[in-house]
């Protein structure tokens, strides 16, 4: 199945964003752009994250390095939350097995 994509031009027109912003996100490693027939596309799977970045950039005036830092921190928080859930599960299993001793 082929991934659905939107052109950068269409995204920028709809969101009133500058193509240079999208290019800066790509250079910063926050976004992957696909080029087909000399046209640049964004995969639909990246749209939710891109819309978030766009709000941060235009509404909150956070620059691309700031967006990168926030994104990294949010990834760490998510990872830590998953680890906490795993540890809770392990603790519950341990507590249950010790009940029968």
Protein backbone atom coordinates (compact mmCIF):
# COMPACT_ATOMS: atom_id res chain seq x y z
CA UNK A 1 0.00 0.00 0.00
CA UNK A 2 1.36 3.38 -0.99
CA UNK A 3 1.56 6.03 1.70
CA UNK A 4 -0.70 9.01 1.31
CA UNK A 5 1.11 12.30 1.00
CA UNK A 6 0.45 16.01 0.78
CA UNK A 7 2.57 18.50 -1.08
CA UNK A 8 4.50 21.02 0.96
CA UNK A 9 2.86 23.73 -1.12
CA UNK A 10 -0.64 22.50 -0.20
CA UNK A 11 0.27 22.18 3.49
CA UNK A 12 1.79 25.66 3.59
CA UNK A 13 -1.16 27.21 1.80
CA UNK A 14 -3.69 25.57 4.13
CA UNK A 15 -1.76 26.37 7.33
CA UNK A 16 -0.40 29.77 6.22
CA UNK A 17 3.13 28.48 6.78
CA UNK A 18 6.35 29.26 4.97
CA UNK A 19 8.08 26.50 2.99
CA UNK A 20 11.35 27.62 4.64
CA UNK A 21 9.89 26.52 8.00
CA UNK A 22 9.23 23.02 6.62
CA UNK A 23 12.75 22.91 5.18
CA UNK A 24 14.21 23.97 8.55
CA UNK A 25 12.33 21.13 10.23
CA UNK A 26 13.78 18.71 7.68
CA UNK A 27 17.31 20.05 8.21
CA UNK A 28 16.79 19.69 11.95
CA UNK A 29 15.82 16.04 11.51
CA UNK A 30 12.27 16.61 12.74
CA UNK A 31 10.57 15.84 9.44
CA UNK A 32 11.16 13.68 6.40
CA UNK A 33 10.36 15.10 3.00
CA UNK A 34 9.83 12.87 -0.03
CA UNK A 35 10.66 14.18 -3.50
CA UNK A 36 8.80 12.73 -6.50
CA UNK A 37 8.79 14.24 -9.96
CA UNK A 38 10.55 17.34 -8.61
CA UNK A 39 7.70 17.95 -6.13
CA UNK A 40 8.20 17.81 -2.36
CA UNK A 41 5.77 15.82 -0.21
CA UNK A 42 5.06 15.14 3.46
CA UNK A 43 3.72 11.73 4.46
CA UNK A 44 0.28 11.83 6.13
CA UNK A 45 1.76 9.90 9.07
CA UNK A 46 3.82 13.01 9.89
CA UNK A 47 0.96 15.49 9.63
CA UNK A 48 -0.14 15.40 13.28
CA UNK A 49 3.40 16.08 14.48
CA UNK A 50 3.94 18.74 11.81
CA UNK A 51 0.74 20.52 12.79
CA UNK A 52 1.97 20.53 16.39
CA UNK A 53 5.33 21.99 15.30
CA UNK A 54 3.50 24.58 13.21
CA UNK A 55 1.44 25.72 16.21
CA UNK A 56 4.54 25.92 18.40
CA UNK A 57 6.40 27.91 15.76
CA UNK A 58 3.68 30.34 14.67
CA UNK A 59 1.43 30.59 17.73
CA UNK A 60 3.99 30.28 20.51
CA UNK A 61 6.97 31.70 18.58
CA UNK A 62 9.23 28.76 19.41
CA UNK A 63 12.14 28.47 16.97
CA UNK A 64 13.18 25.20 15.30
CA UNK A 65 15.97 24.40 17.82
CA UNK A 66 13.41 24.98 20.58
CA UNK A 67 10.96 22.67 18.84
CA UNK A 68 13.70 20.03 18.64
CA UNK A 69 14.46 20.40 22.37
CA UNK A 70 10.78 20.17 23.32
CA UNK A 71 10.30 17.16 21.06
CA UNK A 72 13.28 15.39 22.66
CA UNK A 73 11.99 16.13 26.15
CA UNK A 74 8.51 14.85 25.28
CA UNK A 75 10.06 11.67 23.87
CA UNK A 76 11.97 11.18 27.13
CA UNK A 77 8.82 11.75 29.19
CA UNK A 78 6.94 9.20 27.07
CA UNK A 79 9.77 6.69 27.48
CA UNK A 80 9.84 7.25 31.24
CA UNK A 81 6.05 6.81 31.45
CA UNK A 82 6.35 3.49 29.61
CA UNK A 83 9.11 2.40 31.97
CA UNK A 84 7.00 3.35 35.01
CA UNK A 85 4.09 1.31 33.66
CA UNK A 86 6.39 -1.65 33.09
CA UNK A 87 7.77 -1.36 36.62
CA UNK A 88 4.24 -1.13 38.04
CA UNK A 89 3.35 -4.31 36.20
CA UNK A 90 6.46 -6.08 37.49
CA UNK A 91 5.72 -4.91 41.02
CA UNK A 92 2.13 -6.16 40.80
CA UNK A 93 3.36 -9.57 39.62
CA UNK A 94 5.92 -9.66 42.45
CA UNK A 95 3.33 -8.65 45.06
CA UNK A 96 0.86 -11.26 43.78
CA UNK A 97 3.47 -14.04 43.84
CA UNK A 98 4.52 -13.09 47.41
CA UNK A 99 0.91 -13.26 48.64
CA UNK A 100 0.97 -17.02 48.33
CA UNK A 101 4.15 -17.50 50.38
